[in-house]
Amino acid sequence: MNPEASPTARALMALELLQASPGITADRLADKLGVSERAARRYVGVLREAGIPIESVRGPYGGYRVGRGLRLPPLVFSAAEALGLVMAVLDGHHDAGDPTSAVGSALGKIVRALPEPVAAQAEAVRRATAPAPDRGAARPDPQTTTELVSACSEHRRVRLRYRSEAGVERDLDVDPWAVVVRHSRWYLLCWSHTSDGRRAYRIDRVRGLDVLDESFVPPADLDPVATLEEHLAVGWDYAVEVIIEAPLDIAARHVSRNLGRLEPVDAGTCRLTGTTSNPWWYAEQLTALPAPFRILGGPEVRHTAQVLGRRLLAAVEDAPTA
């Protein structure tokens, strides 16, 4: 840091270091600021006097961190972080889950300043964001999304005014478990009392909501991403059964949960069962498997796989060899 920097500049730099490196020790903070440990502790005291909750933990693994509160403390963004946030909003990029990126670093500062229940929901959404944006995906209403995240955090039942893909509107009473983002689509994973079952509703189709007095207890050890993907793999028009010539643990690395359920057949073979509304998409996903496979069930997917295979073979017929 510039040795001629003012005390105000050093205090702001101290805040940025605390936000970027939770658990930073006094000696590391002093080294980054170019001051003595005593001076570094004094800057921490200045921040506390300004109402910023700076927590400290004693011991060999202790250090300083910005605590959680109802107000956001002043946030200091670098030019790259600020530009990254603007680009993310304009372009719909979803690299916010990567803490080493400019967007991820800036988002991390905001998340660390949030109250614990809200931060947990924000992190769940952050982890569940798909890496590749779909520019054609509908964007949900921000106020609706905020209210649903809050209801998830507070474990409050809500009544949704929901419009289906066919345009039919109806009221749904649900226990909101989590807001999940997959491939630029925002879903509310929940238990629907109206349908008496687990459901995933598109948030962009929610036309309004009321938070009810009833509370609920979410499922223990809920994995929102895995649960959503499993949910999206069932209940579609066309059933599929595939035998994959690979052990279960190997196949599981390459088969997304939204393709269906994997189960072992023997030590070197496993079975994939699922449903799909798009046989072409499903057949294309299967071509990415790094092991031989056979489509046993699902005439629609078998047909599309045959057509796709003939197209691929035709693409290399009579092609000159390298």
C-alpha atoms as a PDB file:
ATOM      1  CA  MET A   1       0.000   0.000   0.000  1.00  0.00           C
ATOM      2  CA  ASN A   2       1.108   3.586  -0.641  1.00  0.00           C
ATOM      3  CA  PRO A   3       3.053   4.641   2.492  1.00  0.00           C
ATOM      4  CA  GLU A   4       1.548   8.131   2.185  1.00  0.00           C
ATOM      5  CA  ALA A   5      -2.034   6.868   2.236  1.00  0.00           C
ATOM      6  CA  SER A   6      -4.351   8.634   4.656  1.00  0.00           C
ATOM      7  CA  PRO A   7      -5.806   6.907   7.733  1.00  0.00           C
ATOM      8  CA  THR A   8      -9.200   6.847   5.999  1.00  0.00           C
ATOM      9  CA  ALA A   9      -7.723   5.090   2.978  1.00  0.00           C
ATOM     10  CA  ARG A  10      -6.008   2.554   5.240  1.00  0.00           C
ATOM     11  CA  ALA A  11      -9.243   1.896   7.131  1.00  0.00           C
ATOM     12  CA  LEU A  12     -11.093   1.259   3.865  1.00  0.00           C
ATOM     13  CA  MET A  13      -8.280  -0.996   2.685  1.00  0.00           C
ATOM     14  CA  ALA A  14      -8.478  -2.854   5.998  1.00  0.00           C
ATOM     15  CA  LEU A  15     -12.207  -3.373   5.423  1.00  0.00           C
ATOM     16  CA  GLU A  16     -11.584  -4.734   1.928  1.00  0.00           C
ATOM     17  CA  LEU A  17      -8.928  -7.129   3.256  1.00  0.00           C
ATOM     18  CA  LEU A  18     -11.274  -8.345   5.992  1.00  0.00           C
ATOM     19  CA  GLN A  19     -14.018  -8.965   3.452  1.00  0.00           C
ATOM     20  CA  ALA A  20     -11.735 -10.726   0.991  1.00  0.00           C
ATOM     21  CA  SER A  21      -9.870 -12.842   3.578  1.00  0.00           C
ATOM     22  CA  PRO A  22     -12.123 -13.911   6.454  1.00  0.00           C
ATOM     23  CA  GLY A  23      -9.979 -14.998   9.387  1.00  0.00           C
ATOM     24  CA  ILE A  24      -7.028 -12.771   8.475  1.00  0.00           C
ATOM     25  CA  THR A  25      -4.653 -12.354  11.398  1.00  0.00           C
ATOM     26  CA  ALA A  26      -3.444  -9.046  12.803  1.00  0.00           C
ATOM     27  CA  ASP A  27       0.108  -9.603  11.548  1.00  0.00           C
ATOM     28  CA  ARG A  28      -1.082 -10.421   8.014  1.00  0.00           C
ATOM     29  CA  LEU A  29      -3.380  -7.416   8.054  1.00  0.00           C
ATOM     30  CA  ALA A  30      -0.522  -5.221   9.208  1.00  0.00           C
ATOM     31  CA  ASP A  31       1.748  -6.582   6.479  1.00  0.00           C
ATOM     32  CA  LYS A  32      -0.847  -5.875   3.782  1.00  0.00           C
ATOM     33  CA  LEU A  33      -1.404  -2.351   5.081  1.00  0.00           C
ATOM     34  CA  GLY A  34       2.290  -1.664   5.579  1.00  0.00           C
ATOM     35  CA  VAL A  35       1.837  -0.734   9.230  1.00  0.00           C
ATOM     36  CA  SER A  36       2.578  -2.199  12.647  1.00  0.00           C
ATOM     37  CA  GLU A  37       0.274  -4.757  14.279  1.00  0.00           C
ATOM     38  CA  ARG A  38      -0.756  -2.137  16.803  1.00  0.00           C
ATOM     39  CA  ALA A  39      -1.778   0.216  13.996  1.00  0.00           C
ATOM     40  CA  ALA A  40      -3.659  -2.579  12.229  1.00  0.00           C
ATOM     41  CA  ARG A  41      -5.636  -3.270  15.415  1.00  0.00           C
ATOM     42  CA  ARG A  42      -6.351   0.449  15.657  1.00  0.00           C
ATOM     43  CA  TYR A  43      -7.889   0.429  12.152  1.00  0.00           C
ATOM     44  CA  VAL A  44     -10.066  -2.519  13.173  1.00  0.00           C
ATOM     45  CA  GLY A  45     -11.218  -0.419  16.116  1.00  0.00           C
ATOM     46  CA  VAL A  46     -12.030   2.478  13.787  1.00  0.00           C
ATOM     47  CA  LEU A  47     -14.232   0.193  11.696  1.00  0.00           C
ATOM     48  CA  ARG A  48     -16.025  -1.047  14.795  1.00  0.00           C
ATOM     49  CA  GLU A  49     -16.638   2.539  15.908  1.00  0.00           C
ATOM     50  CA  ALA A  50     -18.226   3.147  12.499  1.00  0.00           C
ATOM     51  CA  GLY A  51     -20.770   0.420  13.263  1.00  0.00           C
ATOM     52  CA  ILE A  52     -19.219  -2.311  11.128  1.00  0.00           C
ATOM     53  CA  PRO A  53     -19.397  -5.663  12.977  1.00  0.00           C
ATOM     54  CA  ILE A  54     -15.821  -6.944  13.028  1.00  0.00           C
ATOM     55  CA  GLU A  55     -15.531 -10.265  14.829  1.00  0.00           C
ATOM     56  CA  SER A  56     -12.298 -11.639  16.284  1.00  0.00           C
ATOM     57  CA  VAL A  57     -11.373 -15.187  17.290  1.00  0.00           C
ATOM     58  CA  ARG A  58      -8.431 -15.903  19.558  1.00  0.00           C
ATOM     59  CA  GLY A  59      -6.032 -18.815  19.236  1.00  0.00           C
ATOM     60  CA  PRO A  60      -3.754 -20.295  16.570  1.00  0.00           C
ATOM     61  CA  TYR A  61      -6.620 -20.484  14.048  1.00  0.00           C
ATOM     62  CA  GLY A  62      -8.172 -17.168  14.982  1.00  0.00           C
ATOM     63  CA  GLY A  63      -8.306 -13.838  13.199  1.00  0.00           C
ATOM     64  CA  TYR A  64     -10.641 -11.077  12.101  1.00  0.00           C
ATOM     65  CA  ARG A  65     -13.716 -11.307   9.909  1.00  0.00           C
ATOM     66  CA  VAL A  66     -16.671  -9.101   9.052  1.00  0.00           C
ATOM     67  CA  GLY A  67     -19.657 -10.299  11.050  1.00  0.00           C
ATOM     68  CA  ARG A  68     -23.207 -10.582   9.819  1.00  0.00           C
ATOM     69  CA  GLY A  69     -25.729  -7.855  10.422  1.00  0.00           C
ATOM     70  CA  LEU A  70     -28.972  -6.375   9.235  1.00  0.00           C
ATOM     71  CA  ARG A  71     -27.164  -3.575   7.379  1.00  0.00           C
ATOM     72  CA  LEU A  72     -24.572  -4.016   4.694  1.00  0.00           C
ATOM     73  CA  PRO A  73     -21.284  -2.392   5.680  1.00  0.00           C
ATOM     74  CA  PRO A  74     -19.528  -0.250   3.064  1.00  0.00           C
ATOM     75  CA  LEU A  75     -18.352  -2.476   0.232  1.00  0.00           C
ATOM     76  CA  VAL A  76     -15.192  -1.721  -1.690  1.00  0.00           C
ATOM     77  CA  PHE A  77     -15.037  -3.190  -5.198  1.00  0.00           C
ATOM     78  CA  SER A  78     -12.071  -3.217  -7.520  1.00  0.00           C
ATOM     79  CA  ALA A  79     -12.557  -1.987 -11.078  1.00  0.00           C
ATOM     80  CA  ALA A  80     -12.473  -5.579 -12.355  1.00  0.00           C
ATOM     81  CA  GLU A  81     -15.119  -6.679  -9.842  1.00  0.00           C
ATOM     82  CA  ALA A  82     -17.423  -3.761 -10.657  1.00  0.00           C
ATOM     83  CA  LEU A  83     -17.047  -4.358 -14.399  1.00  0.00           C
ATOM     84  CA  GLY A  84     -17.576  -8.080 -13.904  1.00  0.00           C
ATOM     85  CA  LEU A  85     -20.860  -7.451 -12.080  1.00  0.00           C
ATOM     86  CA  VAL A  86     -22.083  -5.144 -14.834  1.00  0.00           C
ATOM     87  CA  MET A  87     -21.119  -7.676 -17.509  1.00  0.00           C
ATOM     88  CA  ALA A  88     -22.840 -10.459 -15.571  1.00  0.00           C
ATOM     89  CA  VAL A  89     -26.083  -8.490 -15.464  1.00  0.00           C
ATOM     90  CA  LEU A  90     -25.900  -7.499 -19.136  1.00  0.00           C
ATOM     91  CA  ASP A  91     -24.757 -10.835 -20.545  1.00  0.00           C
ATOM     92  CA  GLY A  92     -26.391 -13.267 -18.149  1.00  0.00           C
ATOM     93  CA  HIS A  93     -23.106 -14.979 -17.226  1.00  0.00           C
ATOM     94  CA  HIS A  94     -23.249 -17.375 -14.288  1.00  0.00           C
ATOM     95  CA  ASP A  95     -19.673 -17.668 -13.066  1.00  0.00           C
ATOM     96  CA  ALA A  96     -20.660 -16.240  -9.691  1.00  0.00           C
ATOM     97  CA  GLY A  97     -19.995 -19.608  -8.095  1.00  0.00           C
ATOM     98  CA  ASP A  98     -16.270 -19.301  -8.816  1.00  0.00           C
ATOM     99  CA  PRO A  99     -14.659 -17.304  -5.968  1.00  0.00           C
ATOM    100  CA  THR A 100     -11.532 -16.702  -8.068  1.00  0.00           C
ATOM    101  CA  SER A 101     -13.465 -14.748 -10.716  1.00  0.00           C
ATOM    102  CA  ALA A 102     -14.171 -11.031 -10.428  1.00  0.00           C
ATOM    103  CA  VAL A 103     -17.923 -11.661 -10.162  1.00  0.00           C
ATOM    104  CA  GLY A 104     -17.487 -14.452  -7.632  1.00  0.00           C
ATOM    105  CA  SER A 105     -15.197 -12.362  -5.447  1.00  0.00           C
ATOM    106  CA  ALA A 106     -17.594  -9.409  -5.407  1.00  0.00           C
ATOM    107  CA  LEU A 107     -20.595 -11.621  -4.696  1.00  0.00           C
ATOM    108  CA  GLY A 108     -18.697 -13.276  -1.862  1.00  0.00           C
ATOM    109  CA  LYS A 109     -18.327  -9.914  -0.121  1.00  0.00           C
ATOM    110  CA  ILE A 110     -22.061  -9.342  -0.282  1.00  0.00           C
ATOM    111  CA  VAL A 111     -22.930 -12.855   0.904  1.00  0.00           C
ATOM    112  CA  ARG A 112     -20.551 -12.620   3.863  1.00  0.00           C
ATOM    113  CA  ALA A 113     -22.310  -9.454   5.010  1.00  0.00           C
ATOM    114  CA  LEU A 114     -25.790 -10.966   4.999  1.00  0.00           C
ATOM    115  CA  PRO A 115     -27.528 -12.404   8.071  1.00  0.00           C
ATOM    116  CA  GLU A 116     -26.859 -16.126   8.409  1.00  0.00           C
ATOM    117  CA  PRO A 117     -30.282 -17.479   7.291  1.00  0.00           C
ATOM    118  CA  VAL A 118     -30.394 -15.235   4.213  1.00  0.00           C
ATOM    119  CA  ALA A 119     -26.746 -15.947   3.405  1.00  0.00           C
ATOM    120  CA  ALA A 120     -27.431 -19.678   3.486  1.00  0.00           C
ATOM    121  CA  GLN A 121     -30.190 -19.265   0.910  1.00  0.00           C
ATOM    122  CA  ALA A 122     -28.002 -16.990  -1.219  1.00  0.00           C
ATOM    123  CA  GLU A 123     -25.201 -19.563  -1.172  1.00  0.00           C
ATOM    124  CA  ALA A 124     -27.672 -22.302  -2.114  1.00  0.00           C
ATOM    125  CA  VAL A 125     -28.791 -20.288  -5.133  1.00  0.00           C
ATOM    126  CA  ARG A 126     -25.173 -19.476  -5.968  1.00  0.00           C
ATOM    127  CA  ARG A 127     -24.131 -23.135  -5.926  1.00  0.00           C
ATOM    128  CA  ALA A 128     -27.168 -24.149  -7.947  1.00  0.00           C
ATOM    129  CA  THR A 129     -26.546 -21.731 -10.805  1.00  0.00           C
ATOM    130  CA  ALA A 130     -25.921 -23.393 -14.154  1.00  0.00           C
ATOM    131  CA  PRO A 131     -22.602 -22.500 -15.850  1.00  0.00           C
ATOM    132  CA  ALA A 132     -24.059 -21.873 -19.314  1.00  0.00           C
ATOM    133  CA  PRO A 133     -26.730 -19.179 -19.736  1.00  0.00           C
ATOM    134  CA  ASP A 134     -29.794 -19.606 -21.896  1.00  0.00           C
ATOM    135  CA  ARG A 135     -30.503 -16.215 -23.411  1.00  0.00           C
ATOM    136  CA  GLY A 136     -34.030 -17.310 -24.272  1.00  0.00           C
ATOM    137  CA  ALA A 137     -34.903 -18.195 -20.687  1.00  0.00           C
ATOM    138  CA  ALA A 138     -37.564 -16.105 -18.997  1.00  0.00           C
ATOM    139  CA  ARG A 139     -36.364 -14.002 -16.074  1.00  0.00           C
ATOM    140  CA  PRO A 140     -38.426 -14.090 -12.860  1.00  0.00           C
ATOM    141  CA  ASP A 141     -39.685 -10.993 -11.104  1.00  0.00           C
ATOM    142  CA  PRO A 142     -36.960  -9.871  -8.618  1.00  0.00           C
ATOM    143  CA  GLN A 143     -39.480  -8.975  -5.900  1.00  0.00           C
ATOM    144  CA  THR A 144     -41.192 -12.365  -6.208  1.00  0.00           C
ATOM    145  CA  THR A 145     -37.834 -14.134  -6.054  1.00  0.00           C
ATOM    146  CA  THR A 146     -36.791 -12.137  -2.985  1.00  0.00           C
ATOM    147  CA  GLU A 147     -40.021 -12.979  -1.171  1.00  0.00           C
ATOM    148  CA  LEU A 148     -39.636 -16.674  -1.970  1.00  0.00           C
ATOM    149  CA  VAL A 149     -36.016 -16.731  -0.772  1.00  0.00           C
ATOM    150  CA  SER A 150     -37.148 -15.074   2.454  1.00  0.00           C
ATOM    151  CA  ALA A 151     -39.979 -17.608   2.894  1.00  0.00           C
ATOM    152  CA  CYS A 152     -37.485 -20.451   2.368  1.00  0.00           C
ATOM    153  CA  SER A 153     -35.190 -18.922   4.970  1.00  0.00           C
ATOM    154  CA  GLU A 154     -37.974 -18.393   7.516  1.00  0.00           C
ATOM    155  CA  HIS A 155     -39.693 -21.755   6.796  1.00  0.00           C
ATOM    156  CA  ARG A 156     -43.044 -20.077   6.082  1.00  0.00           C
ATOM    157  CA  ARG A 157     -45.749 -21.617   3.923  1.00  0.00           C
ATOM    158  CA  VAL A 158     -46.832 -19.532   0.917  1.00  0.00           C
ATOM    159  CA  ARG A 159     -49.810 -19.384  -1.442  1.00  0.00           C
ATOM    160  CA  LEU A 160     -48.727 -19.003  -5.063  1.00  0.00           C
ATOM    161  CA  ARG A 161     -50.805 -17.593  -7.886  1.00  0.00           C
ATOM    162  CA  TYR A 162     -49.312 -19.739 -10.617  1.00  0.00           C
ATOM    163  CA  ARG A 163     -49.808 -19.758 -14.379  1.00  0.00           C
ATOM    164  CA  SER A 164     -49.080 -23.055 -16.105  1.00  0.00           C
ATOM    165  CA  GLU A 165     -47.390 -23.428 -19.472  1.00  0.00           C
ATOM    166  CA  ALA A 166     -50.870 -23.760 -20.987  1.00  0.00           C
ATOM    167  CA  GLY A 167     -51.876 -20.407 -19.487  1.00  0.00           C
ATOM    168  CA  VAL A 168     -54.157 -21.773 -16.758  1.00  0.00           C
ATOM    169  CA  GLU A 169     -53.912 -19.888 -13.457  1.00  0.00           C
ATOM    170  CA  ARG A 170     -54.551 -21.461 -10.064  1.00  0.00           C
ATOM    171  CA  ASP A 171     -53.636 -21.029  -6.394  1.00  0.00           C
ATOM    172  CA  LEU A 172     -51.120 -23.401  -4.824  1.00  0.00           C
ATOM    173  CA  ASP A 173     -50.282 -23.783  -1.126  1.00  0.00           C
ATOM    174  CA  VAL A 174     -46.659 -24.893  -0.800  1.00  0.00           C
ATOM    175  CA  ASP A 175     -43.829 -25.304   1.699  1.00  0.00           C
ATOM    176  CA  PRO A 176     -40.911 -23.570  -0.065  1.00  0.00           C
ATOM    177  CA  TRP A 177     -37.730 -25.595   0.433  1.00  0.00           C
ATOM    178  CA  ALA A 178     -35.239 -23.788  -1.808  1.00  0.00           C
ATOM    179  CA  VAL A 179     -34.809 -21.523  -4.809  1.00  0.00           C
ATOM    180  CA  VAL A 180     -32.658 -23.305  -7.387  1.00  0.00           C
ATOM    181  CA  VAL A 181     -31.224 -22.019 -10.665  1.00  0.00           C
ATOM    182  CA  ARG A 182     -30.538 -24.542 -13.412  1.00  0.00           C
ATOM    183  CA  HIS A 183     -29.499 -23.501 -16.906  1.00  0.00           C
ATOM    184  CA  SER A 184     -30.799 -19.964 -16.393  1.00  0.00           C
ATOM    185  CA  ARG A 185     -34.217 -21.129 -15.242  1.00  0.00           C
ATOM    186  CA  TRP A 186     -35.307 -20.283 -11.705  1.00  0.00           C
ATOM    187  CA  TYR A 187     -37.269 -22.955  -9.848  1.00  0.00           C
ATOM    188  CA  LEU A 188     -38.988 -23.126  -6.485  1.00  0.00           C
ATOM    189  CA  LEU A 189     -38.399 -26.578  -5.039  1.00  0.00           C
ATOM    190  CA  CYS A 190     -41.201 -27.262  -2.599  1.00  0.00           C
ATOM    191  CA  TRP A 191     -43.820 -29.570  -1.139  1.00  0.00           C
ATOM    192  CA  SER A 192     -47.175 -28.775  -2.703  1.00  0.00           C
ATOM    193  CA  HIS A 193     -50.122 -29.279  -0.347  1.00  0.00           C
ATOM    194  CA  THR A 194     -52.422 -28.665  -3.301  1.00  0.00           C
ATOM    195  CA  SER A 195     -50.916 -31.577  -5.256  1.00  0.00           C
ATOM    196  CA  ASP A 196     -49.818 -33.539  -2.165  1.00  0.00           C
ATOM    197  CA  GLY A 197     -46.332 -34.115  -3.493  1.00  0.00           C
ATOM    198  CA  ARG A 198     -42.883 -32.741  -4.209  1.00  0.00           C
ATOM    199  CA  ARG A 199     -42.907 -30.156  -6.980  1.00  0.00           C
ATOM    200  CA  ALA A 200     -40.621 -27.726  -8.805  1.00  0.00           C
ATOM    201  CA  TYR A 201     -42.369 -24.599 -10.080  1.00  0.00           C
ATOM    202  CA  ARG A 202     -40.933 -22.065 -12.513  1.00  0.00           C
ATOM    203  CA  ILE A 203     -40.635 -18.767 -10.645  1.00  0.00           C
ATOM    204  CA  ASP A 204     -41.164 -16.734 -13.825  1.00  0.00           C
ATOM    205  CA  ARG A 205     -44.678 -18.223 -13.922  1.00  0.00           C
ATOM    206  CA  VAL A 206     -45.558 -17.055 -10.406  1.00  0.00           C
ATOM    207  CA  ARG A 207     -47.978 -14.139 -10.750  1.00  0.00           C
ATOM    208  CA  GLY A 208     -48.151 -13.318  -7.047  1.00  0.00           C
ATOM    209  CA  LEU A 209     -47.812 -14.836  -3.600  1.00  0.00           C
ATOM    210  CA  ASP A 210     -48.985 -14.515  -0.030  1.00  0.00           C
ATOM    211  CA  VAL A 211     -46.901 -15.578   2.958  1.00  0.00           C
ATOM    212  CA  LEU A 212     -49.103 -17.601   5.310  1.00  0.00           C
ATOM    213  CA  ASP A 213     -48.971 -18.011   9.080  1.00  0.00           C
ATOM    214  CA  GLU A 214     -48.150 -21.733   8.952  1.00  0.00           C
ATOM    215  CA  SER A 215     -44.550 -22.821   9.351  1.00  0.00           C
ATOM    216  CA  PHE A 216     -42.896 -26.067   8.276  1.00  0.00           C
ATOM    217  CA  VAL A 217     -39.770 -28.159   8.787  1.00  0.00           C
ATOM    218  CA  PRO A 218     -37.808 -28.804   5.564  1.00  0.00           C
ATOM    219  CA  PRO A 219     -36.440 -32.285   4.813  1.00  0.00           C
ATOM    220  CA  ALA A 220     -33.287 -33.150   6.741  1.00  0.00           C
ATOM    221  CA  ASP A 221     -30.050 -33.006   4.726  1.00  0.00           C
ATOM    222  CA  LEU A 222     -31.842 -31.576   1.692  1.00  0.00           C
ATOM    223  CA  ASP A 223     -29.636 -31.260  -1.380  1.00  0.00           C
ATOM    224  CA  PRO A 224     -31.640 -28.772  -3.492  1.00  0.00           C
ATOM    225  CA  VAL A 225     -29.691 -29.301  -6.719  1.00  0.00           C
ATOM    226  CA  ALA A 226     -29.787 -33.113  -6.595  1.00  0.00           C
ATOM    227  CA  THR A 227     -33.439 -33.146  -5.553  1.00  0.00           C
ATOM    228  CA  LEU A 228     -34.449 -30.807  -8.374  1.00  0.00           C
ATOM    229  CA  GLU A 229     -32.537 -32.798 -10.987  1.00  0.00           C
ATOM    230  CA  GLU A 230     -34.092 -36.039  -9.780  1.00  0.00           C
ATOM    231  CA  HIS A 231     -37.518 -34.414  -9.900  1.00  0.00           C
ATOM    232  CA  LEU A 232     -36.990 -33.136 -13.444  1.00  0.00           C
ATOM    233  CA  ALA A 233     -36.039 -36.651 -14.585  1.00  0.00           C
ATOM    234  CA  VAL A 234     -39.422 -38.229 -13.805  1.00  0.00           C
ATOM    235  CA  GLY A 235     -42.982 -37.781 -14.963  1.00  0.00           C
ATOM    236  CA  TRP A 236     -42.304 -36.946 -18.628  1.00  0.00           C
ATOM    237  CA  ASP A 237     -43.991 -38.443 -21.690  1.00  0.00           C
ATOM    238  CA  TYR A 238     -41.386 -40.935 -22.900  1.00  0.00           C
ATOM    239  CA  ALA A 239     -39.796 -43.658 -20.750  1.00  0.00           C
ATOM    240  CA  VAL A 240     -36.177 -44.697 -21.309  1.00  0.00           C
ATOM    241  CA  GLU A 241     -34.073 -47.672 -20.209  1.00  0.00           C
ATOM    242  CA  VAL A 242     -30.366 -47.826 -21.034  1.00  0.00           C
ATOM    243  CA  ILE A 243     -27.712 -50.406 -20.157  1.00  0.00           C
ATOM    244  CA  ILE A 244     -24.281 -48.840 -19.751  1.00  0.00           C
ATOM    245  CA  GLU A 245     -21.213 -51.069 -19.916  1.00  0.00           C
ATOM    246  CA  ALA A 246     -19.380 -49.373 -17.065  1.00  0.00           C
ATOM    247  CA  PRO A 247     -19.344 -49.744 -13.265  1.00  0.00           C
ATOM    248  CA  LEU A 248     -21.836 -47.609 -11.398  1.00  0.00           C
ATOM    249  CA  ASP A 249     -19.236 -45.249  -9.900  1.00  0.00           C
ATOM    250  CA  ILE A 250     -17.699 -44.589 -13.329  1.00  0.00           C
ATOM    251  CA  ALA A 251     -21.025 -44.036 -15.101  1.00  0.00           C
ATOM    252  CA  ALA A 252     -22.250 -41.711 -12.350  1.00  0.00           C
ATOM    253  CA  ARG A 253     -19.463 -39.257 -13.189  1.00  0.00           C
ATOM    254  CA  HIS A 254     -20.891 -38.759 -16.679  1.00  0.00           C
ATOM    255  CA  VAL A 255     -24.658 -39.167 -16.217  1.00  0.00           C
ATOM    256  CA  SER A 256     -26.519 -36.105 -14.988  1.00  0.00           C
ATOM    257  CA  ARG A 257     -29.279 -36.743 -12.466  1.00  0.00           C
ATOM    258  CA  ASN A 258     -31.807 -35.151 -14.798  1.00  0.00           C
ATOM    259  CA  LEU A 259     -31.318 -38.091 -17.181  1.00  0.00           C
ATOM    260  CA  GLY A 260     -32.713 -40.516 -14.632  1.00  0.00           C
ATOM    261  CA  ARG A 261     -31.736 -43.017 -11.967  1.00  0.00           C
ATOM    262  CA  LEU A 262     -28.643 -45.228 -12.126  1.00  0.00           C
ATOM    263  CA  GLU A 263     -28.515 -48.650 -10.479  1.00  0.00           C
ATOM    264  CA  PRO A 264     -25.960 -51.452 -10.707  1.00  0.00           C
ATOM    265  CA  VAL A 265     -26.638 -54.584 -12.756  1.00  0.00           C
ATOM    266  CA  ASP A 266     -23.343 -56.272 -11.929  1.00  0.00           C
ATOM    267  CA  ALA A 267     -19.770 -55.234 -11.158  1.00  0.00           C
ATOM    268  CA  GLY A 268     -19.168 -53.878 -14.655  1.00  0.00           C
ATOM    269  CA  THR A 269     -22.617 -52.802 -15.846  1.00  0.00           C
ATOM    270  CA  CYS A 270     -25.356 -50.424 -14.707  1.00  0.00           C
ATOM    271  CA  ARG A 271     -28.880 -49.481 -15.760  1.00  0.00           C
ATOM    272  CA  LEU A 272     -30.200 -45.957 -16.421  1.00  0.00           C
ATOM    273  CA  THR A 273     -33.975 -45.441 -16.206  1.00  0.00           C
ATOM    274  CA  GLY A 274     -35.687 -42.123 -16.748  1.00  0.00           C
ATOM    275  CA  THR A 275     -38.257 -40.151 -18.716  1.00  0.00           C
ATOM    276  CA  THR A 276     -38.037 -37.282 -21.146  1.00  0.00           C
ATOM    277  CA  SER A 277     -40.279 -34.926 -23.112  1.00  0.00           C
ATOM    278  CA  ASN A 278     -37.611 -34.526 -25.795  1.00  0.00           C
ATOM    279  CA  PRO A 279     -36.240 -37.798 -27.262  1.00  0.00           C
ATOM    280  CA  TRP A 280     -33.823 -35.904 -29.505  1.00  0.00           C
ATOM    281  CA  TRP A 281     -32.235 -34.114 -26.569  1.00  0.00           C
ATOM    282  CA  TYR A 282     -32.023 -37.358 -24.591  1.00  0.00           C
ATOM    283  CA  ALA A 283     -30.346 -39.263 -27.445  1.00  0.00           C
ATOM    284  CA  GLU A 284     -27.821 -36.444 -27.873  1.00  0.00           C
ATOM    285  CA  GLN A 285     -26.960 -36.612 -24.166  1.00  0.00           C
ATOM    286  CA  LEU A 286     -26.327 -40.352 -24.444  1.00  0.00           C
ATOM    287  CA  THR A 287     -23.796 -39.847 -27.250  1.00  0.00           C
ATOM    288  CA  ALA A 288     -21.525 -38.105 -24.744  1.00  0.00           C
ATOM    289  CA  LEU A 289     -21.164 -41.262 -22.618  1.00  0.00           C
ATOM    290  CA  PRO A 290     -17.542 -42.509 -22.717  1.00  0.00           C
ATOM    291  CA  ALA A 291     -18.639 -46.179 -22.531  1.00  0.00           C
ATOM    292  CA  PRO A 292     -20.662 -48.512 -24.783  1.00  0.00           C
ATOM    293  CA  PHE A 293     -24.398 -48.549 -24.071  1.00  0.00           C
ATOM    294  CA  ARG A 294     -27.619 -50.146 -25.344  1.00  0.00           C
ATOM    295  CA  ILE A 295     -31.039 -48.489 -25.383  1.00  0.00           C
ATOM    296  CA  LEU A 296     -33.421 -51.256 -24.330  1.00  0.00           C
ATOM    297  CA  GLY A 297     -36.571 -49.344 -23.490  1.00  0.00           C
ATOM    298  CA  GLY A 298     -38.278 -46.335 -25.000  1.00  0.00           C
ATOM    299  CA  PRO A 299     -39.139 -46.666 -28.719  1.00  0.00           C
ATOM    300  CA  GLU A 300     -39.076 -42.893 -29.187  1.00  0.00           C
ATOM    301  CA  VAL A 301     -35.512 -42.532 -27.909  1.00  0.00           C
ATOM    302  CA  ARG A 302     -34.438 -45.695 -29.779  1.00  0.00           C
ATOM    303  CA  HIS A 303     -35.798 -44.214 -33.030  1.00  0.00           C
ATOM    304  CA  THR A 304     -34.152 -40.820 -32.564  1.00  0.00           C
ATOM    305  CA  ALA A 305     -30.851 -42.512 -31.631  1.00  0.00           C
ATOM    306  CA  GLN A 306     -30.994 -44.540 -34.865  1.00  0.00           C
ATOM    307  CA  VAL A 307     -31.646 -41.419 -36.954  1.00  0.00           C
ATOM    308  CA  LEU A 308     -28.923 -39.510 -35.129  1.00  0.00           C
ATOM    309  CA  GLY A 309     -26.488 -42.394 -35.618  1.00  0.00           C
ATOM    310  CA  ARG A 310     -27.178 -42.561 -39.356  1.00  0.00           C
ATOM    311  CA  ARG A 311     -26.608 -38.820 -39.627  1.00  0.00           C
ATOM    312  CA  LEU A 312     -23.259 -39.102 -37.873  1.00  0.00           C
ATOM    313  CA  LEU A 313     -22.181 -42.011 -40.081  1.00  0.00           C
ATOM    314  CA  ALA A 314     -23.271 -40.155 -43.211  1.00  0.00           C
ATOM    315  CA  ALA A 315     -21.212 -37.170 -42.137  1.00  0.00           C
ATOM    316  CA  VAL A 316     -17.976 -39.185 -42.397  1.00  0.00           C
ATOM    317  CA  GLU A 317     -18.777 -41.417 -45.371  1.00  0.00           C
ATOM    318  CA  ASP A 318     -16.256 -41.047 -48.186  1.00  0.00           C
ATOM    319  CA  ALA A 319     -14.495 -38.327 -46.190  1.00  0.00           C
ATOM    320  CA  PRO A 320     -10.760 -38.113 -46.926  1.00  0.00           C
ATOM    321  CA  THR A 321      -8.573 -39.587 -44.179  1.00  0.00           C
ATOM    322  CA  ALA A 322      -5.829 -37.519 -42.598  1.00  0.00           C
END
